[in-house]
Amino acid sequence: MTCYLTDTTDPDEVARGYREGAFSAVKLYPAHATTNAALGVTDYDRICRCSSGMAELGMPLLVHGEATEPEVDLFDREAVFIDRVLDRLRRRLPELRIVLEHITTDEGGRLCRFG
């Protein structure tokens, strides 16, 4: 199964779950981005230890890539998330295996083509 990532997810538990075969990946939902995402990530700096540990293990991060700030237009949510969150994460942890789910924009498509 996948592990639901929150601001307080314990990186040691994620690693243990992956090593023991309970988790196959970690799912990142920005808080309030979609149904049942109320407990999703609100502060991406708080998941650094978790994402670093995942990179070391080769554990995939499955991303629902959507900015949730109210000032972001509905049609720009994916592109803004890529620009503000995903690009920074990829630069910081280039070895982290990332799956950007349900791509709906040119920005998401370009991201997949080169990396």
C-alpha atoms as a PDB file:
ATOM      1  CA  MET A   1       0.000   0.000   0.000  1.00  0.00           C
ATOM      2  CA  THR A   2       1.016   3.636  -0.152  1.00  0.00           C
ATOM      3  CA  CYS A   3       1.776   5.758   2.900  1.00  0.00           C
ATOM      4  CA  TYR A   4      -0.183   9.014   3.223  1.00  0.00           C
ATOM      5  CA  LEU A   5       2.362  11.801   3.774  1.00  0.00           C
ATOM      6  CA  THR A   6       1.602  14.518   6.319  1.00  0.00           C
ATOM      7  CA  ASP A   7       3.662  17.252   7.932  1.00  0.00           C
ATOM      8  CA  THR A   8       4.298  14.909  10.870  1.00  0.00           C
ATOM      9  CA  THR A   9       4.923  11.596   9.111  1.00  0.00           C
ATOM     10  CA  ASP A  10       7.742   9.782  10.906  1.00  0.00           C
ATOM     11  CA  PRO A  11      10.594   9.129   8.427  1.00  0.00           C
ATOM     12  CA  ASP A  12      11.775   6.122  10.423  1.00  0.00           C
ATOM     13  CA  GLU A  13       8.329   4.515  10.211  1.00  0.00           C
ATOM     14  CA  VAL A  14       8.199   5.160   6.464  1.00  0.00           C
ATOM     15  CA  ALA A  15      11.598   3.509   6.003  1.00  0.00           C
ATOM     16  CA  ARG A  16      10.645   0.571   8.211  1.00  0.00           C
ATOM     17  CA  GLY A  17       7.355   0.121   6.354  1.00  0.00           C
ATOM     18  CA  TYR A  18       9.162   0.134   3.011  1.00  0.00           C
ATOM     19  CA  ARG A  19      11.877  -2.302   4.130  1.00  0.00           C
ATOM     20  CA  GLU A  20       9.257  -4.666   5.588  1.00  0.00           C
ATOM     21  CA  GLY A  21       7.072  -4.528   2.473  1.00  0.00           C
ATOM     22  CA  ALA A  22       4.093  -2.721   4.036  1.00  0.00           C
ATOM     23  CA  PHE A  23       4.603   0.404   1.904  1.00  0.00           C
ATOM     24  CA  SER A  24       5.457   0.456  -1.776  1.00  0.00           C
ATOM     25  CA  ALA A  25       5.489   4.272  -2.062  1.00  0.00           C
ATOM     26  CA  VAL A  26       4.528   7.499  -0.327  1.00  0.00           C
ATOM     27  CA  LYS A  27       1.634   9.632  -1.552  1.00  0.00           C
ATOM     28  CA  LEU A  28       1.921  13.423  -1.332  1.00  0.00           C
ATOM     29  CA  TYR A  29      -1.339  15.328  -1.331  1.00  0.00           C
ATOM     30  CA  PRO A  30      -1.124  19.065  -0.679  1.00  0.00           C
ATOM     31  CA  ALA A  31      -3.538  19.791   2.153  1.00  0.00           C
ATOM     32  CA  HIS A  32      -7.076  20.350   0.844  1.00  0.00           C
ATOM     33  CA  ALA A  33      -6.090  19.777  -2.795  1.00  0.00           C
ATOM     34  CA  THR A  34      -8.637  17.023  -3.339  1.00  0.00           C
ATOM     35  CA  THR A  35     -11.101  14.736  -1.587  1.00  0.00           C
ATOM     36  CA  ASN A  36      -9.709  13.262   1.648  1.00  0.00           C
ATOM     37  CA  ALA A  37      -6.601  15.473   1.533  1.00  0.00           C
ATOM     38  CA  ALA A  38      -7.407  17.532   4.631  1.00  0.00           C
ATOM     39  CA  LEU A  39      -4.410  16.058   6.469  1.00  0.00           C
ATOM     40  CA  GLY A  40      -2.052  16.459   3.521  1.00  0.00           C
ATOM     41  CA  VAL A  41       1.174  18.434   3.482  1.00  0.00           C
ATOM     42  CA  THR A  42       0.988  22.110   4.428  1.00  0.00           C
ATOM     43  CA  ASP A  43       4.702  22.851   4.854  1.00  0.00           C
ATOM     44  CA  TYR A  44       7.105  21.216   2.407  1.00  0.00           C
ATOM     45  CA  ASP A  45      10.107  21.970   4.615  1.00  0.00           C
ATOM     46  CA  ARG A  46       8.621  19.634   7.213  1.00  0.00           C
ATOM     47  CA  ILE A  47       8.881  16.613   4.892  1.00  0.00           C
ATOM     48  CA  CYS A  48      12.610  17.008   4.139  1.00  0.00           C
ATOM     49  CA  ARG A  49      13.762  14.168   6.392  1.00  0.00           C
ATOM     50  CA  CYS A  50      11.117  11.884   4.987  1.00  0.00           C
ATOM     51  CA  SER A  51      11.897  12.646   1.342  1.00  0.00           C
ATOM     52  CA  SER A  52      15.647  12.360   1.943  1.00  0.00           C
ATOM     53  CA  GLY A  53      15.173   8.934   3.495  1.00  0.00           C
ATOM     54  CA  MET A  54      12.983   7.870   0.590  1.00  0.00           C
ATOM     55  CA  ALA A  55      15.662   8.959  -1.882  1.00  0.00           C
ATOM     56  CA  GLU A  56      18.235   6.820  -0.058  1.00  0.00           C
ATOM     57  CA  LEU A  57      15.903   3.809  -0.148  1.00  0.00           C
ATOM     58  CA  GLY A  58      14.808   4.278  -3.769  1.00  0.00           C
ATOM     59  CA  MET A  59      11.230   4.611  -2.543  1.00  0.00           C
ATOM     60  CA  PRO A  60       8.881   6.423  -4.961  1.00  0.00           C
ATOM     61  CA  LEU A  61       7.036   9.617  -4.101  1.00  0.00           C
ATOM     62  CA  LEU A  62       3.628   9.773  -5.800  1.00  0.00           C
ATOM     63  CA  VAL A  63       2.587  13.393  -6.160  1.00  0.00           C
ATOM     64  CA  HIS A  64      -0.827  14.945  -6.540  1.00  0.00           C
ATOM     65  CA  GLY A  65       0.720  18.138  -7.915  1.00  0.00           C
ATOM     66  CA  GLU A  66      -1.597  21.007  -7.195  1.00  0.00           C
ATOM     67  CA  ALA A  67      -1.087  24.376  -5.519  1.00  0.00           C
ATOM     68  CA  THR A  68      -3.862  25.120  -3.054  1.00  0.00           C
ATOM     69  CA  GLU A  69      -3.393  28.804  -2.303  1.00  0.00           C
ATOM     70  CA  PRO A  70      -6.697  30.642  -2.885  1.00  0.00           C
ATOM     71  CA  GLU A  71      -5.073  33.271  -5.108  1.00  0.00           C
ATOM     72  CA  VAL A  72      -3.939  30.599  -7.618  1.00  0.00           C
ATOM     73  CA  ASP A  73      -6.355  30.223 -10.519  1.00  0.00           C
ATOM     74  CA  LEU A  74      -7.871  26.750 -10.785  1.00  0.00           C
ATOM     75  CA  PHE A  75      -6.329  26.243 -14.219  1.00  0.00           C
ATOM     76  CA  ASP A  76      -2.841  27.208 -12.999  1.00  0.00           C
ATOM     77  CA  ARG A  77      -2.695  24.976  -9.941  1.00  0.00           C
ATOM     78  CA  GLU A  78      -0.498  22.259 -11.474  1.00  0.00           C
ATOM     79  CA  ALA A  79       1.951  24.667 -13.123  1.00  0.00           C
ATOM     80  CA  VAL A  80       2.297  26.708  -9.929  1.00  0.00           C
ATOM     81  CA  PHE A  81       2.907  23.549  -7.874  1.00  0.00           C
ATOM     82  CA  ILE A  82       5.614  22.446 -10.308  1.00  0.00           C
ATOM     83  CA  ASP A  83       7.243  25.866 -10.173  1.00  0.00           C
ATOM     84  CA  ARG A  84       7.006  26.452  -6.412  1.00  0.00           C
ATOM     85  CA  VAL A  85       7.361  22.944  -4.968  1.00  0.00           C
ATOM     86  CA  LEU A  86       8.348  20.204  -7.371  1.00  0.00           C
ATOM     87  CA  ASP A  87      11.253  21.941  -9.110  1.00  0.00           C
ATOM     88  CA  ARG A  88      12.784  22.810  -5.737  1.00  0.00           C
ATOM     89  CA  LEU A  89      12.369  19.227  -4.513  1.00  0.00           C
ATOM     90  CA  ARG A  90      13.931  17.806  -7.692  1.00  0.00           C
ATOM     91  CA  ARG A  91      16.937  20.128  -7.393  1.00  0.00           C
ATOM     92  CA  ARG A  92      17.435  19.269  -3.727  1.00  0.00           C
ATOM     93  CA  LEU A  93      17.013  15.497  -4.211  1.00  0.00           C
ATOM     94  CA  PRO A  94      17.695  14.581  -7.849  1.00  0.00           C
ATOM     95  CA  GLU A  95      17.863  10.881  -6.936  1.00  0.00           C
ATOM     96  CA  LEU A  96      14.324  10.844  -5.480  1.00  0.00           C
ATOM     97  CA  ARG A  97      11.972   8.796  -7.649  1.00  0.00           C
ATOM     98  CA  ILE A  98       8.960  11.046  -8.315  1.00  0.00           C
ATOM     99  CA  VAL A  99       5.707  10.191 -10.088  1.00  0.00           C
ATOM    100  CA  LEU A 100       3.638  13.247 -10.993  1.00  0.00           C
ATOM    101  CA  GLU A 101       0.107  11.914 -11.225  1.00  0.00           C
ATOM    102  CA  HIS A 102      -2.699  12.960 -13.599  1.00  0.00           C
ATOM    103  CA  ILE A 103      -0.694  15.497 -15.589  1.00  0.00           C
ATOM    104  CA  THR A 104      -2.992  18.046 -17.192  1.00  0.00           C
ATOM    105  CA  THR A 105      -0.691  20.868 -18.339  1.00  0.00           C
ATOM    106  CA  ASP A 106       2.098  21.509 -20.811  1.00  0.00           C
ATOM    107  CA  GLU A 107       4.386  22.221 -17.844  1.00  0.00           C
ATOM    108  CA  GLY A 108       3.764  18.733 -16.454  1.00  0.00           C
ATOM    109  CA  GLY A 109       4.325  17.173 -19.865  1.00  0.00           C
ATOM    110  CA  ARG A 110       7.638  18.996 -20.338  1.00  0.00           C
ATOM    111  CA  LEU A 111       8.752  17.863 -16.891  1.00  0.00           C
ATOM    112  CA  CYS A 112       8.198  14.245 -17.870  1.00  0.00           C
ATOM    113  CA  ARG A 113      10.070  14.535 -21.131  1.00  0.00           C
ATOM    114  CA  PHE A 114      13.348  15.662 -19.637  1.00  0.00           C
ATOM    115  CA  GLY A 115      13.476  14.154 -16.288  1.00  0.00           C
END
